[in-house]
Amino acid sequence: IGLMSLSKGLLEEKYRYLFKEVAGPTEMCDQRQLGLLLHDAIQIPRQLGEVAAFGGSNIEPSVRSCFQQNNNKPEISVKEFIDWMRLEPQSMVWLPVLHRVAAAETAKHQAKCNICKECPIVGFRYRSLKHFNYDVCQSCFFSGRTAKGHKLHYPMVEYCIPTTSGEDVRDFTKVLKNKFRSKKYFAKHPRLGYLPVQTVLEGDNLETPSQSPQLFHDDTHSRIEQYATRLAQMERTNGSFLTDSSSTTG
């Protein structure tokens, strides 16, 4: 899984490969098989001490999310698995993000950052879905800088490769629609750029092939993981102010 995640290729082909690794002879996957896949996949962010940001080590909520998405059928097909992965579930969102980061490294966008005036924008481009012709480079976006009356809770779309004419028209339509929505609407209707999974008061863990490796409590990564868990709990309690990151994967 580690080599696959770092390889160059289409994102959906990576999803297809993951599914085939655990699917049975009928090319279908049940809950236990999906649990084995997600258990192995979550070890990558776990070893980096970032597992809390992706819903924790318990993969049972993610398995439930996938099968609920497919009407709780006993088995799912590769198409149904890919459809779920397109929603970018919290436990697996690191994979498409890694894919977009690699794609954006050398991407050049024919647009100017409204804050630092960088032109062309290199890397990720963030386009406002509230204001016309409002673009932000990745440096200004990640540092939380704004201009021209643009608020952090306003919806934005992320591009890792140059936009097409169809995407430009689609975004123009969304901006036009959002012009008629008030500031309070966006503050009260925050949207996450991934499919969250419930991690509190879950049922028993699904059986996994081996015990997850334990980190010592005095280890730096362990402390970071604990802090990230607390931040995630605070976000669920207080509500998220994240932007609408309807990302384009290319």
C-alpha atoms as a PDB file:
ATOM      1  CA  ILE A   1       0.000   0.000   0.000  1.00  0.00           C
ATOM      2  CA  GLY A   2       2.866   2.363   0.787  1.00  0.00           C
ATOM      3  CA  LEU A   3       4.481   1.940  -2.630  1.00  0.00           C
ATOM      4  CA  MET A   4       1.115   2.226  -4.355  1.00  0.00           C
ATOM      5  CA  SER A   5       0.311   5.490  -2.582  1.00  0.00           C
ATOM      6  CA  LEU A   6       3.613   7.002  -3.728  1.00  0.00           C
ATOM      7  CA  SER A   7       3.375   5.761  -7.303  1.00  0.00           C
ATOM      8  CA  LYS A   8       2.312   7.907 -10.225  1.00  0.00           C
ATOM      9  CA  GLY A   9      -1.037   6.950 -11.698  1.00  0.00           C
ATOM     10  CA  LEU A  10      -4.721   7.672 -11.875  1.00  0.00           C
ATOM     11  CA  LEU A  11      -6.395   7.920  -8.493  1.00  0.00           C
ATOM     12  CA  GLU A  12      -9.248   5.595  -9.436  1.00  0.00           C
ATOM     13  CA  GLU A  13      -6.762   2.977 -10.592  1.00  0.00           C
ATOM     14  CA  LYS A  14      -5.234   3.079  -7.120  1.00  0.00           C
ATOM     15  CA  TYR A  15      -8.682   2.565  -5.598  1.00  0.00           C
ATOM     16  CA  ARG A  16      -9.260  -0.358  -7.949  1.00  0.00           C
ATOM     17  CA  TYR A  17      -5.931  -1.915  -6.974  1.00  0.00           C
ATOM     18  CA  LEU A  18      -6.731  -1.627  -3.258  1.00  0.00           C
ATOM     19  CA  PHE A  19     -10.082  -3.317  -3.753  1.00  0.00           C
ATOM     20  CA  LYS A  20      -8.591  -6.232  -5.703  1.00  0.00           C
ATOM     21  CA  GLU A  21      -6.092  -6.847  -2.905  1.00  0.00           C
ATOM     22  CA  VAL A  22      -8.875  -7.995  -0.571  1.00  0.00           C
ATOM     23  CA  ALA A  23     -11.757  -8.960  -2.884  1.00  0.00           C
ATOM     24  CA  GLY A  24     -12.814 -12.590  -3.081  1.00  0.00           C
ATOM     25  CA  PRO A  25     -13.017 -14.833  -6.170  1.00  0.00           C
ATOM     26  CA  THR A  26     -16.373 -13.265  -7.056  1.00  0.00           C
ATOM     27  CA  GLU A  27     -14.710  -9.816  -7.123  1.00  0.00           C
ATOM     28  CA  MET A  28     -16.911  -8.718  -4.237  1.00  0.00           C
ATOM     29  CA  CYS A  29     -15.874  -7.493  -0.794  1.00  0.00           C
ATOM     30  CA  ASP A  30     -17.590  -8.049   2.552  1.00  0.00           C
ATOM     31  CA  GLN A  31     -17.208  -6.058   5.777  1.00  0.00           C
ATOM     32  CA  ARG A  32     -14.380  -8.185   7.146  1.00  0.00           C
ATOM     33  CA  GLN A  33     -12.349  -7.877   3.934  1.00  0.00           C
ATOM     34  CA  LEU A  34     -12.837  -4.113   3.811  1.00  0.00           C
ATOM     35  CA  GLY A  35     -11.833  -3.946   7.473  1.00  0.00           C
ATOM     36  CA  LEU A  36      -8.564  -5.730   6.695  1.00  0.00           C
ATOM     37  CA  LEU A  37      -7.849  -3.245   3.901  1.00  0.00           C
ATOM     38  CA  LEU A  38      -8.584  -0.174   5.998  1.00  0.00           C
ATOM     39  CA  HIS A  39      -6.588  -1.566   8.927  1.00  0.00           C
ATOM     40  CA  ASP A  40      -3.501  -1.903   6.745  1.00  0.00           C
ATOM     41  CA  ALA A  41      -4.035   1.484   5.089  1.00  0.00           C
ATOM     42  CA  ILE A  42      -4.403   3.407   8.358  1.00  0.00           C
ATOM     43  CA  GLN A  43      -0.962   2.201   9.470  1.00  0.00           C
ATOM     44  CA  ILE A  44       0.655   4.793   7.182  1.00  0.00           C
ATOM     45  CA  PRO A  45      -0.715   7.876   9.003  1.00  0.00           C
ATOM     46  CA  ARG A  46      -0.432   5.986  12.312  1.00  0.00           C
ATOM     47  CA  GLN A  47       3.316   5.539  11.950  1.00  0.00           C
ATOM     48  CA  LEU A  48       3.569   9.273  11.265  1.00  0.00           C
ATOM     49  CA  GLY A  49       1.660  10.067  14.453  1.00  0.00           C
ATOM     50  CA  GLU A  50      -1.234  11.582  12.484  1.00  0.00           C
ATOM     51  CA  VAL A  51      -3.866   8.875  12.879  1.00  0.00           C
ATOM     52  CA  ALA A  52      -6.131  11.034  15.081  1.00  0.00           C
ATOM     53  CA  ALA A  53      -6.661  13.484  12.226  1.00  0.00           C
ATOM     54  CA  PHE A  54      -8.088  10.622  10.150  1.00  0.00           C
ATOM     55  CA  GLY A  55     -10.594   9.318  12.673  1.00  0.00           C
ATOM     56  CA  GLY A  56      -8.332   7.213  14.879  1.00  0.00           C
ATOM     57  CA  SER A  57      -7.206   3.595  14.664  1.00  0.00           C
ATOM     58  CA  ASN A  58     -10.685   2.073  14.916  1.00  0.00           C
ATOM     59  CA  ILE A  59     -11.652   1.214  11.332  1.00  0.00           C
ATOM     60  CA  GLU A  60     -15.138  -0.077  12.231  1.00  0.00           C
ATOM     61  CA  PRO A  61     -16.854   3.332  11.713  1.00  0.00           C
ATOM     62  CA  SER A  62     -15.378   3.592   8.210  1.00  0.00           C
ATOM     63  CA  VAL A  63     -16.528   0.087   7.307  1.00  0.00           C
ATOM     64  CA  ARG A  64     -20.003   0.933   8.525  1.00  0.00           C
ATOM     65  CA  SER A  65     -19.973   4.190   6.545  1.00  0.00           C
ATOM     66  CA  CYS A  66     -19.128   2.373   3.319  1.00  0.00           C
ATOM     67  CA  PHE A  67     -21.809  -0.275   3.692  1.00  0.00           C
ATOM     68  CA  GLN A  68     -24.442   2.222   4.818  1.00  0.00           C
ATOM     69  CA  GLN A  69     -23.660   4.149   1.662  1.00  0.00           C
ATOM     70  CA  ASN A  70     -24.602   0.979  -0.219  1.00  0.00           C
ATOM     71  CA  ASN A  71     -27.828   0.150   1.652  1.00  0.00           C
ATOM     72  CA  ASN A  72     -26.086  -2.275   4.052  1.00  0.00           C
ATOM     73  CA  LYS A  73     -25.681  -4.991   1.439  1.00  0.00           C
ATOM     74  CA  PRO A  74     -23.613  -7.995   2.589  1.00  0.00           C
ATOM     75  CA  GLU A  75     -21.019  -7.355  -0.140  1.00  0.00           C
ATOM     76  CA  ILE A  76     -19.965  -4.439  -2.326  1.00  0.00           C
ATOM     77  CA  SER A  77     -18.532  -4.289  -5.832  1.00  0.00           C
ATOM     78  CA  VAL A  78     -15.461  -2.396  -6.978  1.00  0.00           C
ATOM     79  CA  LYS A  79     -17.681   0.324  -8.463  1.00  0.00           C
ATOM     80  CA  GLU A  80     -19.461   0.825  -5.143  1.00  0.00           C
ATOM     81  CA  PHE A  81     -16.131   0.975  -3.327  1.00  0.00           C
ATOM     82  CA  ILE A  82     -14.801   3.587  -5.764  1.00  0.00           C
ATOM     83  CA  ASP A  83     -17.989   5.652  -5.411  1.00  0.00           C
ATOM     84  CA  TRP A  84     -17.469   5.682  -1.639  1.00  0.00           C
ATOM     85  CA  MET A  85     -13.795   6.575  -1.992  1.00  0.00           C
ATOM     86  CA  ARG A  86     -14.738   9.501  -4.229  1.00  0.00           C
ATOM     87  CA  LEU A  87     -16.487  10.993  -1.197  1.00  0.00           C
ATOM     88  CA  GLU A  88     -13.048  10.962   0.473  1.00  0.00           C
ATOM     89  CA  PRO A  89     -13.890   9.250   3.780  1.00  0.00           C
ATOM     90  CA  GLN A  90     -11.935  10.640   6.709  1.00  0.00           C
ATOM     91  CA  SER A  91      -9.907   7.478   7.287  1.00  0.00           C
ATOM     92  CA  MET A  92      -8.678   7.428   3.663  1.00  0.00           C
ATOM     93  CA  VAL A  93      -8.650  11.121   2.731  1.00  0.00           C
ATOM     94  CA  TRP A  94      -4.858  11.183   3.065  1.00  0.00           C
ATOM     95  CA  LEU A  95      -4.528   9.160  -0.158  1.00  0.00           C
ATOM     96  CA  PRO A  96      -6.288  11.599  -2.544  1.00  0.00           C
ATOM     97  CA  VAL A  97      -4.618  14.516  -0.726  1.00  0.00           C
ATOM     98  CA  LEU A  98      -1.205  12.942  -1.334  1.00  0.00           C
ATOM     99  CA  HIS A  99      -2.190  12.434  -4.977  1.00  0.00           C
ATOM    100  CA  ARG A 100      -3.176  16.102  -5.340  1.00  0.00           C
ATOM    101  CA  VAL A 101      -0.011  17.334  -3.633  1.00  0.00           C
ATOM    102  CA  ALA A 102       2.103  15.404  -6.138  1.00  0.00           C
ATOM    103  CA  ALA A 103       0.038  16.705  -9.072  1.00  0.00           C
ATOM    104  CA  ALA A 104       0.244  20.313  -7.857  1.00  0.00           C
ATOM    105  CA  GLU A 105       4.011  20.441  -7.387  1.00  0.00           C
ATOM    106  CA  THR A 106       4.716  21.780 -10.881  1.00  0.00           C
ATOM    107  CA  ALA A 107       1.244  23.013 -11.840  1.00  0.00           C
ATOM    108  CA  LYS A 108       0.991  26.584 -13.169  1.00  0.00           C
ATOM    109  CA  HIS A 109      -2.345  28.397 -13.177  1.00  0.00           C
ATOM    110  CA  GLN A 110      -2.987  31.434 -15.364  1.00  0.00           C
ATOM    111  CA  ALA A 111      -4.332  33.462 -12.474  1.00  0.00           C
ATOM    112  CA  LYS A 112      -3.032  36.052 -10.009  1.00  0.00           C
ATOM    113  CA  CYS A 113      -3.210  35.718  -6.237  1.00  0.00           C
ATOM    114  CA  ASN A 114      -5.409  38.500  -4.890  1.00  0.00           C
ATOM    115  CA  ILE A 115      -3.276  38.756  -1.755  1.00  0.00           C
ATOM    116  CA  CYS A 116       0.428  38.458  -2.619  1.00  0.00           C
ATOM    117  CA  LYS A 117      -0.088  39.121  -6.366  1.00  0.00           C
ATOM    118  CA  GLU A 118       1.855  36.013  -7.423  1.00  0.00           C
ATOM    119  CA  CYS A 119       1.277  35.331 -11.124  1.00  0.00           C
ATOM    120  CA  PRO A 120       1.049  32.699 -12.408  1.00  0.00           C
ATOM    121  CA  ILE A 121      -0.004  30.767  -9.332  1.00  0.00           C
ATOM    122  CA  VAL A 122       2.238  27.722  -8.846  1.00  0.00           C
ATOM    123  CA  GLY A 123       1.055  24.725  -6.845  1.00  0.00           C
ATOM    124  CA  PHE A 124      -2.463  24.664  -5.453  1.00  0.00           C
ATOM    125  CA  ARG A 125      -4.904  27.319  -6.616  1.00  0.00           C
ATOM    126  CA  TYR A 126      -7.882  28.280  -4.460  1.00  0.00           C
ATOM    127  CA  ARG A 127     -10.800  30.009  -6.176  1.00  0.00           C
ATOM    128  CA  SER A 128     -13.545  31.767  -4.269  1.00  0.00           C
ATOM    129  CA  LEU A 129     -17.107  30.585  -4.822  1.00  0.00           C
ATOM    130  CA  LYS A 130     -18.402  33.769  -3.207  1.00  0.00           C
ATOM    131  CA  HIS A 131     -16.525  36.508  -5.103  1.00  0.00           C
ATOM    132  CA  PHE A 132     -15.832  36.753  -8.834  1.00  0.00           C
ATOM    133  CA  ASN A 133     -12.172  36.655  -9.922  1.00  0.00           C
ATOM    134  CA  TYR A 134     -10.841  35.978  -6.432  1.00  0.00           C
ATOM    135  CA  ASP A 135      -7.917  33.542  -6.427  1.00  0.00           C
ATOM    136  CA  VAL A 136      -5.457  32.649  -3.668  1.00  0.00           C
ATOM    137  CA  CYS A 137      -2.106  30.866  -3.875  1.00  0.00           C
ATOM    138  CA  GLN A 138      -1.299  27.987  -1.547  1.00  0.00           C
ATOM    139  CA  SER A 139       1.031  30.040   0.676  1.00  0.00           C
ATOM    140  CA  CYS A 140      -1.610  32.665   1.425  1.00  0.00           C
ATOM    141  CA  PHE A 141      -4.361  30.069   1.790  1.00  0.00           C
ATOM    142  CA  PHE A 142      -2.485  27.895   4.281  1.00  0.00           C
ATOM    143  CA  SER A 143      -1.458  30.939   6.327  1.00  0.00           C
ATOM    144  CA  GLY A 144      -5.090  32.081   6.540  1.00  0.00           C
ATOM    145  CA  ARG A 145      -4.573  35.410   4.777  1.00  0.00           C
ATOM    146  CA  THR A 146      -7.593  37.113   3.220  1.00  0.00           C
ATOM    147  CA  ALA A 147      -8.351  40.284   1.285  1.00  0.00           C
ATOM    148  CA  LYS A 148     -11.170  42.150  -0.411  1.00  0.00           C
ATOM    149  CA  GLY A 149     -13.678  41.355   2.320  1.00  0.00           C
ATOM    150  CA  HIS A 150     -13.328  37.605   1.839  1.00  0.00           C
ATOM    151  CA  LYS A 151     -14.017  35.599   5.009  1.00  0.00           C
ATOM    152  CA  LEU A 152     -12.411  32.303   5.956  1.00  0.00           C
ATOM    153  CA  HIS A 153     -15.785  30.553   6.112  1.00  0.00           C
ATOM    154  CA  TYR A 154     -16.682  31.495   2.537  1.00  0.00           C
ATOM    155  CA  PRO A 155     -16.707  28.505   0.158  1.00  0.00           C
ATOM    156  CA  MET A 156     -13.659  27.927  -2.029  1.00  0.00           C
ATOM    157  CA  VAL A 157     -12.642  25.279  -4.523  1.00  0.00           C
ATOM    158  CA  GLU A 158      -9.166  23.775  -4.734  1.00  0.00           C
ATOM    159  CA  TYR A 159      -7.394  23.010  -8.011  1.00  0.00           C
ATOM    160  CA  CYS A 160      -4.190  21.020  -8.305  1.00  0.00           C
ATOM    161  CA  ILE A 161      -4.040  21.331 -12.111  1.00  0.00           C
ATOM    162  CA  PRO A 162      -5.115  24.145 -14.493  1.00  0.00           C
ATOM    163  CA  THR A 163      -8.871  24.501 -14.868  1.00  0.00           C
ATOM    164  CA  THR A 164     -10.859  23.583 -17.950  1.00  0.00           C
ATOM    165  CA  SER A 165     -13.451  25.815 -19.616  1.00  0.00           C
ATOM    166  CA  GLY A 166     -16.180  23.572 -18.211  1.00  0.00           C
ATOM    167  CA  GLU A 167     -14.886  24.030 -14.663  1.00  0.00           C
ATOM    168  CA  ASP A 168     -14.728  27.802 -15.177  1.00  0.00           C
ATOM    169  CA  VAL A 169     -18.381  27.880 -16.237  1.00  0.00           C
ATOM    170  CA  ARG A 170     -19.396  25.637 -13.329  1.00  0.00           C
ATOM    171  CA  ASP A 171     -17.633  27.849 -10.793  1.00  0.00           C
ATOM    172  CA  PHE A 172     -19.105  31.014 -12.330  1.00  0.00           C
ATOM    173  CA  THR A 173     -22.576  29.546 -11.842  1.00  0.00           C
ATOM    174  CA  LYS A 174     -21.820  28.683  -8.204  1.00  0.00           C
ATOM    175  CA  VAL A 175     -20.524  32.188  -7.489  1.00  0.00           C
ATOM    176  CA  LEU A 176     -23.658  33.678  -9.011  1.00  0.00           C
ATOM    177  CA  LYS A 177     -25.817  31.467  -6.798  1.00  0.00           C
ATOM    178  CA  ASN A 178     -23.803  32.267  -3.671  1.00  0.00           C
ATOM    179  CA  LYS A 179     -24.141  36.006  -4.315  1.00  0.00           C
ATOM    180  CA  PHE A 180     -27.738  35.710  -3.128  1.00  0.00           C
ATOM    181  CA  ARG A 181     -26.754  33.996   0.119  1.00  0.00           C
ATOM    182  CA  SER A 182     -25.986  35.978   3.254  1.00  0.00           C
ATOM    183  CA  LYS A 183     -22.844  35.878   5.385  1.00  0.00           C
ATOM    184  CA  LYS A 184     -24.847  34.166   8.123  1.00  0.00           C
ATOM    185  CA  TYR A 185     -25.734  31.348   5.725  1.00  0.00           C
ATOM    186  CA  PHE A 186     -22.079  30.392   5.223  1.00  0.00           C
ATOM    187  CA  ALA A 187     -21.316  30.735   8.930  1.00  0.00           C
ATOM    188  CA  LYS A 188     -24.203  28.416   9.813  1.00  0.00           C
ATOM    189  CA  HIS A 189     -23.632  25.913   6.984  1.00  0.00           C
ATOM    190  CA  PRO A 190     -19.934  25.000   7.074  1.00  0.00           C
ATOM    191  CA  ARG A 191     -18.897  22.141   4.830  1.00  0.00           C
ATOM    192  CA  LEU A 192     -16.025  19.721   5.200  1.00  0.00           C
ATOM    193  CA  GLY A 193     -13.869  18.674   2.292  1.00  0.00           C
ATOM    194  CA  TYR A 194     -14.150  15.003   3.265  1.00  0.00           C
ATOM    195  CA  LEU A 195     -16.684  12.449   4.484  1.00  0.00           C
ATOM    196  CA  PRO A 196     -16.448  12.440   8.315  1.00  0.00           C
ATOM    197  CA  VAL A 197     -16.783   9.188  10.237  1.00  0.00           C
ATOM    198  CA  GLN A 198     -18.228   8.954  13.730  1.00  0.00           C
ATOM    199  CA  THR A 199     -15.577   7.874  16.233  1.00  0.00           C
ATOM    200  CA  VAL A 200     -17.350   8.306  19.590  1.00  0.00           C
ATOM    201  CA  LEU A 201     -19.157   5.446  21.384  1.00  0.00           C
ATOM    202  CA  GLU A 202     -18.677   3.018  18.535  1.00  0.00           C
ATOM    203  CA  GLY A 203     -19.278  -0.703  18.701  1.00  0.00           C
ATOM    204  CA  ASP A 204     -16.670  -3.410  18.997  1.00  0.00           C
ATOM    205  CA  ASN A 205     -13.687  -3.238  16.695  1.00  0.00           C
ATOM    206  CA  LEU A 206     -13.727  -5.545  13.698  1.00  0.00           C
ATOM    207  CA  GLU A 207     -11.233  -8.375  13.858  1.00  0.00           C
ATOM    208  CA  THR A 208      -7.870  -7.354  12.456  1.00  0.00           C
ATOM    209  CA  PRO A 209      -4.891  -9.568  11.570  1.00  0.00           C
ATOM    210  CA  SER A 210      -2.623  -8.179  14.256  1.00  0.00           C
ATOM    211  CA  GLN A 211      -2.603  -5.761  17.123  1.00  0.00           C
ATOM    212  CA  SER A 212      -1.907  -2.169  16.079  1.00  0.00           C
ATOM    213  CA  PRO A 213       1.601  -1.112  17.107  1.00  0.00           C
ATOM    214  CA  GLN A 214       1.566   0.843  20.353  1.00  0.00           C
ATOM    215  CA  LEU A 215       3.581   3.986  20.838  1.00  0.00           C
ATOM    216  CA  PHE A 216       5.083   4.888  24.201  1.00  0.00           C
ATOM    217  CA  HIS A 217       3.224   7.654  26.012  1.00  0.00           C
ATOM    218  CA  ASP A 218       6.359   9.762  26.293  1.00  0.00           C
ATOM    219  CA  ASP A 219       7.017   9.525  22.566  1.00  0.00           C
ATOM    220  CA  THR A 220       6.719  12.782  20.615  1.00  0.00           C
ATOM    221  CA  HIS A 221       4.380  11.316  18.011  1.00  0.00           C
ATOM    222  CA  SER A 222       2.146   9.931  20.742  1.00  0.00           C
ATOM    223  CA  ARG A 223       1.789  13.363  22.324  1.00  0.00           C
ATOM    224  CA  ILE A 224       1.031  14.943  18.943  1.00  0.00           C
ATOM    225  CA  GLU A 225      -1.626  12.297  18.375  1.00  0.00           C
ATOM    226  CA  GLN A 226      -3.217  13.084  21.748  1.00  0.00           C
ATOM    227  CA  TYR A 227      -3.277  16.816  20.984  1.00  0.00           C
ATOM    228  CA  ALA A 228      -4.791  16.179  17.552  1.00  0.00           C
ATOM    229  CA  THR A 229      -7.509  14.058  19.154  1.00  0.00           C
ATOM    230  CA  ARG A 230      -8.377  16.880  21.539  1.00  0.00           C
ATOM    231  CA  LEU A 231      -8.514  19.384  18.684  1.00  0.00           C
ATOM    232  CA  ALA A 232     -10.798  17.078  16.711  1.00  0.00           C
ATOM    233  CA  GLN A 233     -13.101  16.752  19.722  1.00  0.00           C
ATOM    234  CA  MET A 234     -13.197  20.533  20.126  1.00  0.00           C
ATOM    235  CA  GLU A 235     -14.018  20.959  16.439  1.00  0.00           C
ATOM    236  CA  ARG A 236     -16.912  18.516  16.678  1.00  0.00           C
ATOM    237  CA  THR A 237     -18.189  20.346  19.765  1.00  0.00           C
ATOM    238  CA  ASN A 238     -17.827  23.914  18.535  1.00  0.00           C
ATOM    239  CA  GLY A 239     -18.513  23.382  14.840  1.00  0.00           C
ATOM    240  CA  SER A 240     -16.088  23.637  11.956  1.00  0.00           C
ATOM    241  CA  PHE A 241     -15.243  26.843  10.139  1.00  0.00           C
ATOM    242  CA  LEU A 242     -13.464  25.079   7.283  1.00  0.00           C
ATOM    243  CA  THR A 243     -14.105  26.170   3.727  1.00  0.00           C
ATOM    244  CA  ASP A 244     -15.914  24.144   1.125  1.00  0.00           C
ATOM    245  CA  SER A 245     -12.932  22.310  -0.334  1.00  0.00           C
ATOM    246  CA  SER A 246     -14.632  20.630  -3.256  1.00  0.00           C
ATOM    247  CA  SER A 247     -11.309  19.505  -4.626  1.00  0.00           C
ATOM    248  CA  THR A 248     -10.432  18.694  -8.176  1.00  0.00           C
ATOM    249  CA  THR A 249      -8.152  15.689  -8.442  1.00  0.00           C
ATOM    250  CA  GLY A 250      -7.306  15.844 -12.093  1.00  0.00           C
END
